[in-house]
């Protein structure tokens, strides 16, 4: 005769208010995620040669230009909208801003070790 033993594991969650560190890390994560997302949209629009006269394309190009402009000289960028182009400068900008966001997030985590 075999017995079936059932065990139930119940996890306890404590109602703990978020620390200042976790709130600032979340805000940073949202900001970096937004920046990377609009840069990714710019990359796709440029890759497909989106027309600058379109309102959406113009909005994305205008909003992301200040973020990508520091990287234009890296690879001999020829400024031209409406032409399909693999804009590697945008990919570099995505990587740089993601790394900066990660670094700032790690610094915030080190500043408040009790939150970890």
N, C-alpha and C. Protein backbone atom coordinates (compact mmCIF):
# COMPACT_ATOMS: atom_id res chain seq x y z
N UNK A 1 0.83 -1.17 0.00
CA UNK A 1 0.00 0.00 0.00
C UNK A 1 0.88 1.24 0.00
N UNK A 2 0.65 2.09 -0.94
CA UNK A 2 1.46 3.29 -1.00
C UNK A 2 0.66 4.50 -0.55
N UNK A 3 1.35 5.35 0.08
CA UNK A 3 0.71 6.57 0.56
C UNK A 3 1.16 7.75 -0.30
N UNK A 4 0.23 8.59 -0.54
CA UNK A 4 0.55 9.80 -1.28
C UNK A 4 0.69 10.91 -0.27
N UNK A 5 1.84 11.49 -0.29
CA UNK A 5 2.11 12.57 0.66
C UNK A 5 2.09 13.87 -0.12
N UNK A 6 1.27 14.75 0.33
CA UNK A 6 1.20 16.06 -0.30
C UNK A 6 1.74 17.09 0.67
N UNK A 7 2.54 17.93 0.14
CA UNK A 7 3.03 19.03 0.97
C UNK A 7 2.70 20.32 0.26
N UNK A 8 2.42 21.28 1.03
CA UNK A 8 2.05 22.57 0.49
C UNK A 8 3.05 23.60 0.97
N UNK A 9 3.63 24.29 0.03
CA UNK A 9 4.59 25.32 0.37
C UNK A 9 3.91 26.66 0.16
N UNK A 10 3.91 27.43 1.20
CA UNK A 10 3.29 28.74 1.14
C UNK A 10 4.39 29.76 1.38
N UNK A 11 4.56 30.63 0.42
CA UNK A 11 5.56 31.68 0.56
C UNK A 11 4.96 32.87 1.27
N UNK A 12 5.73 33.43 2.13
CA UNK A 12 5.27 34.61 2.84
C UNK A 12 5.88 35.83 2.18
N UNK A 13 5.05 36.79 1.96
CA UNK A 13 5.54 38.06 1.42
C UNK A 13 5.30 39.13 2.45
N UNK A 14 6.32 39.89 2.67
CA UNK A 14 6.22 40.96 3.65
C UNK A 14 5.76 42.23 2.93
N UNK A 15 4.89 42.94 3.56
CA UNK A 15 4.47 44.22 3.02
C UNK A 15 5.50 45.27 3.40
N UNK A 16 6.45 45.44 2.51
CA UNK A 16 7.55 46.37 2.77
C UNK A 16 7.43 47.52 1.79
N UNK A 17 7.55 48.71 2.30
CA UNK A 17 7.51 49.89 1.44
C UNK A 17 8.76 49.92 0.58
N UNK A 18 8.63 50.32 -0.67
CA UNK A 18 9.82 50.38 -1.52
C UNK A 18 10.82 51.40 -0.98
N UNK A 19 12.07 51.03 -1.05
CA UNK A 19 13.11 51.93 -0.57
C UNK A 19 13.37 53.01 -1.62
N UNK A 20 14.05 54.05 -1.20
CA UNK A 20 14.39 55.13 -2.12
C UNK A 20 15.24 54.60 -3.26
N UNK A 21 16.11 53.65 -2.94
CA UNK A 21 16.97 53.07 -3.97
C UNK A 21 16.16 52.34 -5.02
N UNK A 22 15.22 51.52 -4.60
CA UNK A 22 14.46 50.75 -5.58
C UNK A 22 13.57 51.65 -6.43
N UNK A 23 13.04 52.70 -5.85
CA UNK A 23 12.23 53.65 -6.62
C UNK A 23 13.09 54.36 -7.66
N UNK A 24 14.27 54.82 -7.26
CA UNK A 24 15.14 55.52 -8.21
C UNK A 24 15.64 54.56 -9.29
N UNK A 25 15.88 53.30 -8.94
CA UNK A 25 16.30 52.33 -9.94
C UNK A 25 15.17 52.06 -10.94
N UNK A 26 13.94 52.01 -10.46
CA UNK A 26 12.80 51.80 -11.36
C UNK A 26 12.62 52.99 -12.31
N UNK A 27 12.74 54.19 -11.76
CA UNK A 27 12.61 55.39 -12.60
C UNK A 27 13.71 55.41 -13.65
N UNK A 28 14.93 55.11 -13.25
CA UNK A 28 16.04 55.04 -14.18
C UNK A 28 15.78 53.99 -15.26
N UNK A 29 15.29 52.84 -14.86
CA UNK A 29 15.00 51.77 -15.80
C UNK A 29 13.94 52.19 -16.82
N UNK A 30 12.93 52.90 -16.37
CA UNK A 30 11.88 53.38 -17.28
C UNK A 30 12.45 54.40 -18.26
N UNK A 31 13.27 55.32 -17.77
CA UNK A 31 13.85 56.34 -18.64
C UNK A 31 14.77 55.72 -19.68
N UNK A 32 15.65 54.82 -19.24
CA UNK A 32 16.58 54.17 -20.17
C UNK A 32 15.81 53.31 -21.17
N UNK A 33 14.79 52.62 -20.69
CA UNK A 33 13.97 51.81 -21.59
C UNK A 33 13.28 52.65 -22.65
N UNK A 34 12.79 53.82 -22.26
CA UNK A 34 12.14 54.72 -23.22
C UNK A 34 13.14 55.23 -24.25
N UNK A 35 14.30 55.65 -23.80
CA UNK A 35 15.33 56.18 -24.72
C UNK A 35 15.77 55.10 -25.70
N UNK A 36 16.03 53.91 -25.20
CA UNK A 36 16.46 52.82 -26.07
C UNK A 36 15.34 52.45 -27.05
N UNK A 37 14.10 52.49 -26.61
CA UNK A 37 12.97 52.15 -27.48
C UNK A 37 12.81 53.15 -28.63
N UNK A 38 12.88 54.44 -28.33
CA UNK A 38 12.72 55.41 -29.42
C UNK A 38 13.93 55.38 -30.36
N UNK A 39 15.10 55.06 -29.82
CA UNK A 39 16.26 54.92 -30.70
C UNK A 39 16.12 53.68 -31.59
N UNK A 40 15.54 52.62 -31.07
CA UNK A 40 15.30 51.42 -31.87
C UNK A 40 14.30 51.71 -32.98
N UNK A 41 13.28 52.50 -32.67
CA UNK A 41 12.31 52.90 -33.70
C UNK A 41 13.00 53.73 -34.77
N UNK A 42 13.88 54.64 -34.34
CA UNK A 42 14.63 55.45 -35.32
C UNK A 42 15.46 54.55 -36.22
N UNK A 43 16.11 53.54 -35.63
CA UNK A 43 16.95 52.64 -36.41
C UNK A 43 16.13 51.93 -37.48
N UNK A 44 14.95 51.43 -37.11
CA UNK A 44 14.10 50.73 -38.07
C UNK A 44 13.61 51.68 -39.16
N UNK A 45 13.20 52.89 -38.76
CA UNK A 45 12.73 53.86 -39.75
C UNK A 45 13.84 54.22 -40.74
N UNK A 46 15.04 54.40 -40.25
CA UNK A 46 16.17 54.73 -41.12
C UNK A 46 16.54 53.55 -42.01
N UNK A 47 16.48 52.36 -41.44
CA UNK A 47 16.80 51.15 -42.19
C UNK A 47 15.83 50.96 -43.36
N UNK A 48 14.57 51.34 -43.14
CA UNK A 48 13.57 51.20 -44.18
C UNK A 48 13.43 52.45 -45.06
N UNK A 49 14.17 53.49 -44.75
CA UNK A 49 14.14 54.72 -45.55
C UNK A 49 12.87 55.51 -45.39
N UNK A 50 12.40 55.66 -44.16
CA UNK A 50 11.14 56.37 -43.89
C UNK A 50 11.23 57.83 -44.36
N UNK A 51 10.14 58.30 -44.91
CA UNK A 51 10.04 59.65 -45.44
C UNK A 51 9.95 60.67 -44.31
N UNK A 52 10.80 61.66 -44.32
CA UNK A 52 10.82 62.69 -43.28
C UNK A 52 9.55 63.54 -43.30
N UNK A 53 8.84 63.58 -44.41
CA UNK A 53 7.61 64.37 -44.49
C UNK A 53 6.45 63.73 -43.76
N UNK A 54 6.57 62.46 -43.39
CA UNK A 54 5.56 61.79 -42.59
C UNK A 54 5.66 62.31 -41.16
N UNK A 55 4.52 62.59 -40.54
CA UNK A 55 4.50 63.17 -39.20
C UNK A 55 5.17 62.30 -38.14
N UNK A 56 4.88 60.99 -38.16
CA UNK A 56 5.47 60.09 -37.17
C UNK A 56 6.98 59.99 -37.35
N UNK A 57 7.41 59.81 -38.59
CA UNK A 57 8.85 59.71 -38.85
C UNK A 57 9.55 61.00 -38.44
N UNK A 58 8.94 62.14 -38.75
CA UNK A 58 9.53 63.42 -38.39
C UNK A 58 9.63 63.57 -36.88
N UNK A 59 8.60 63.14 -36.16
CA UNK A 59 8.63 63.20 -34.69
C UNK A 59 9.77 62.36 -34.13
N UNK A 60 9.91 61.14 -34.62
CA UNK A 60 10.98 60.26 -34.12
C UNK A 60 12.35 60.80 -34.48
N UNK A 61 12.52 61.23 -35.74
CA UNK A 61 13.82 61.78 -36.14
C UNK A 61 14.17 63.02 -35.32
N UNK A 62 13.20 63.90 -35.11
CA UNK A 62 13.47 65.14 -34.37
C UNK A 62 13.76 64.86 -32.90
N UNK A 63 13.02 63.93 -32.30
CA UNK A 63 13.21 63.63 -30.87
C UNK A 63 14.53 62.91 -30.61
N UNK A 64 14.97 62.10 -31.55
CA UNK A 64 16.17 61.31 -31.31
C UNK A 64 17.45 61.95 -31.85
N UNK A 65 17.32 62.97 -32.67
CA UNK A 65 18.51 63.60 -33.24
C UNK A 65 19.52 64.03 -32.16
N UNK A 66 19.09 64.71 -31.08
CA UNK A 66 20.08 65.11 -30.06
C UNK A 66 20.76 63.92 -29.38
N UNK A 67 20.08 62.78 -29.35
CA UNK A 67 20.66 61.60 -28.71
C UNK A 67 21.68 60.90 -29.60
N UNK A 68 21.49 60.98 -30.91
CA UNK A 68 22.36 60.28 -31.85
C UNK A 68 23.45 61.19 -32.40
N UNK A 69 23.23 62.48 -32.38
CA UNK A 69 24.17 63.45 -32.97
C UNK A 69 25.62 63.29 -32.49
N UNK A 70 25.88 63.02 -31.21
CA UNK A 70 27.28 62.88 -30.79
C UNK A 70 28.02 61.72 -31.47
N UNK A 71 27.29 60.81 -32.07
CA UNK A 71 27.91 59.63 -32.67
C UNK A 71 28.01 59.70 -34.19
N UNK A 72 27.53 60.78 -34.80
CA UNK A 72 27.51 60.88 -36.25
C UNK A 72 28.90 60.88 -36.88
N UNK A 73 29.89 61.41 -36.26
CA UNK A 73 31.23 61.47 -36.83
C UNK A 73 32.01 60.18 -36.75
N UNK A 74 31.50 59.19 -36.08
CA UNK A 74 32.25 57.94 -35.88
C UNK A 74 32.52 57.19 -37.18
N UNK A 75 31.56 57.16 -38.06
CA UNK A 75 31.66 56.32 -39.25
C UNK A 75 31.40 57.09 -40.54
N UNK A 76 31.73 58.36 -40.59
CA UNK A 76 31.55 59.15 -41.80
C UNK A 76 30.09 59.31 -42.18
N UNK A 77 29.28 59.74 -41.25
CA UNK A 77 27.84 59.88 -41.47
C UNK A 77 27.53 60.95 -42.48
N UNK A 78 26.74 60.60 -43.48
CA UNK A 78 26.23 61.57 -44.44
C UNK A 78 24.76 61.76 -44.13
N UNK A 79 24.41 62.93 -43.66
CA UNK A 79 23.07 63.24 -43.18
C UNK A 79 22.08 63.27 -44.33
N UNK A 80 21.20 62.25 -44.40
CA UNK A 80 20.23 62.17 -45.49
C UNK A 80 19.00 61.39 -45.01
N UNK A 81 17.85 62.03 -45.03
CA UNK A 81 16.61 61.35 -44.66
C UNK A 81 15.94 60.81 -45.90
N UNK A 82 15.14 59.78 -45.73
CA UNK A 82 14.38 59.21 -46.83
C UNK A 82 15.15 58.22 -47.67
N UNK A 83 16.39 57.93 -47.29
CA UNK A 83 17.21 56.96 -47.99
C UNK A 83 17.45 55.79 -47.05
N UNK A 84 17.18 54.59 -47.51
CA UNK A 84 17.40 53.41 -46.67
C UNK A 84 18.88 53.29 -46.34
N UNK A 85 19.17 53.18 -45.06
CA UNK A 85 20.55 53.15 -44.61
C UNK A 85 20.65 52.39 -43.30
N UNK A 86 21.67 51.58 -43.16
CA UNK A 86 21.95 50.89 -41.90
C UNK A 86 22.72 51.87 -41.03
N UNK A 87 22.00 52.55 -40.15
CA UNK A 87 22.59 53.62 -39.35
C UNK A 87 23.26 53.05 -38.10
N UNK A 88 24.52 52.72 -38.26
CA UNK A 88 25.25 52.10 -37.16
C UNK A 88 25.43 53.06 -35.98
N UNK A 89 25.39 54.35 -36.26
CA UNK A 89 25.52 55.33 -35.18
C UNK A 89 24.37 55.20 -34.18
N UNK A 90 23.20 54.87 -34.65
CA UNK A 90 22.06 54.68 -33.75
C UNK A 90 22.27 53.44 -32.89
N UNK A 91 22.82 52.39 -33.48
CA UNK A 91 23.11 51.18 -32.68
C UNK A 91 24.15 51.46 -31.61
N UNK A 92 25.15 52.25 -31.97
CA UNK A 92 26.17 52.63 -30.98
C UNK A 92 25.53 53.46 -29.87
N UNK A 93 24.65 54.38 -30.24
CA UNK A 93 23.96 55.20 -29.24
C UNK A 93 23.13 54.33 -28.30
N UNK A 94 22.43 53.34 -28.85
CA UNK A 94 21.64 52.43 -28.02
C UNK A 94 22.55 51.72 -27.02
N UNK A 95 23.67 51.19 -27.50
CA UNK A 95 24.60 50.47 -26.62
C UNK A 95 25.17 51.39 -25.54
N UNK A 96 25.56 52.59 -25.93
CA UNK A 96 26.16 53.53 -24.97
C UNK A 96 25.16 53.94 -23.90
N UNK A 97 23.93 54.30 -24.30
CA UNK A 97 22.94 54.72 -23.31
C UNK A 97 22.50 53.56 -22.42
N UNK A 98 22.44 52.36 -22.96
CA UNK A 98 22.11 51.20 -22.13
C UNK A 98 23.21 50.93 -21.11
N UNK A 99 24.47 51.04 -21.54
CA UNK A 99 25.59 50.83 -20.61
C UNK A 99 25.65 51.92 -19.54
N UNK A 100 25.41 53.14 -19.94
CA UNK A 100 25.39 54.24 -18.96
C UNK A 100 24.26 54.01 -17.95
N UNK A 101 23.09 53.64 -18.44
CA UNK A 101 21.97 53.36 -17.54
C UNK A 101 22.27 52.21 -16.60
N UNK A 102 22.90 51.16 -17.12
CA UNK A 102 23.27 50.03 -16.28
C UNK A 102 24.27 50.46 -15.21
N UNK A 103 25.26 51.24 -15.60
CA UNK A 103 26.27 51.70 -14.64
C UNK A 103 25.67 52.57 -13.55
N UNK A 104 24.79 53.49 -13.93
CA UNK A 104 24.14 54.34 -12.92
C UNK A 104 23.26 53.49 -12.00
N UNK A 105 22.58 52.50 -12.57
CA UNK A 105 21.76 51.60 -11.76
C UNK A 105 22.59 50.82 -10.75
N UNK A 106 23.76 50.36 -11.17
CA UNK A 106 24.65 49.65 -10.24
C UNK A 106 25.15 50.59 -9.14
N UNK A 107 25.45 51.83 -9.50
CA UNK A 107 25.88 52.80 -8.49
C UNK A 107 24.77 53.07 -7.48
N UNK A 108 23.54 53.15 -7.96
CA UNK A 108 22.41 53.34 -7.05
C UNK A 108 22.24 52.14 -6.13
N UNK A 109 22.45 50.95 -6.66
CA UNK A 109 22.34 49.74 -5.84
C UNK A 109 23.46 49.68 -4.79
N UNK A 110 24.65 50.14 -5.15
CA UNK A 110 25.75 50.15 -4.18
C UNK A 110 25.55 51.18 -3.09
N UNK A 111 24.86 52.23 -3.44
CA UNK A 111 24.63 53.30 -2.48
C UNK A 111 23.71 52.87 -1.36
N UNK A 112 22.79 51.95 -1.66
CA UNK A 112 21.84 51.44 -0.66
C UNK A 112 21.89 49.92 -0.63
N UNK A 113 22.92 49.34 0.00
CA UNK A 113 23.07 47.88 -0.03
C UNK A 113 21.97 47.12 0.72
N UNK A 114 21.25 47.77 1.62
CA UNK A 114 20.20 47.07 2.36
C UNK A 114 19.01 46.71 1.49
N UNK A 115 18.89 47.34 0.33
CA UNK A 115 17.77 47.06 -0.56
C UNK A 115 18.01 45.78 -1.35
N UNK A 116 19.25 45.34 -1.45
CA UNK A 116 19.57 44.16 -2.27
C UNK A 116 19.27 42.86 -1.59
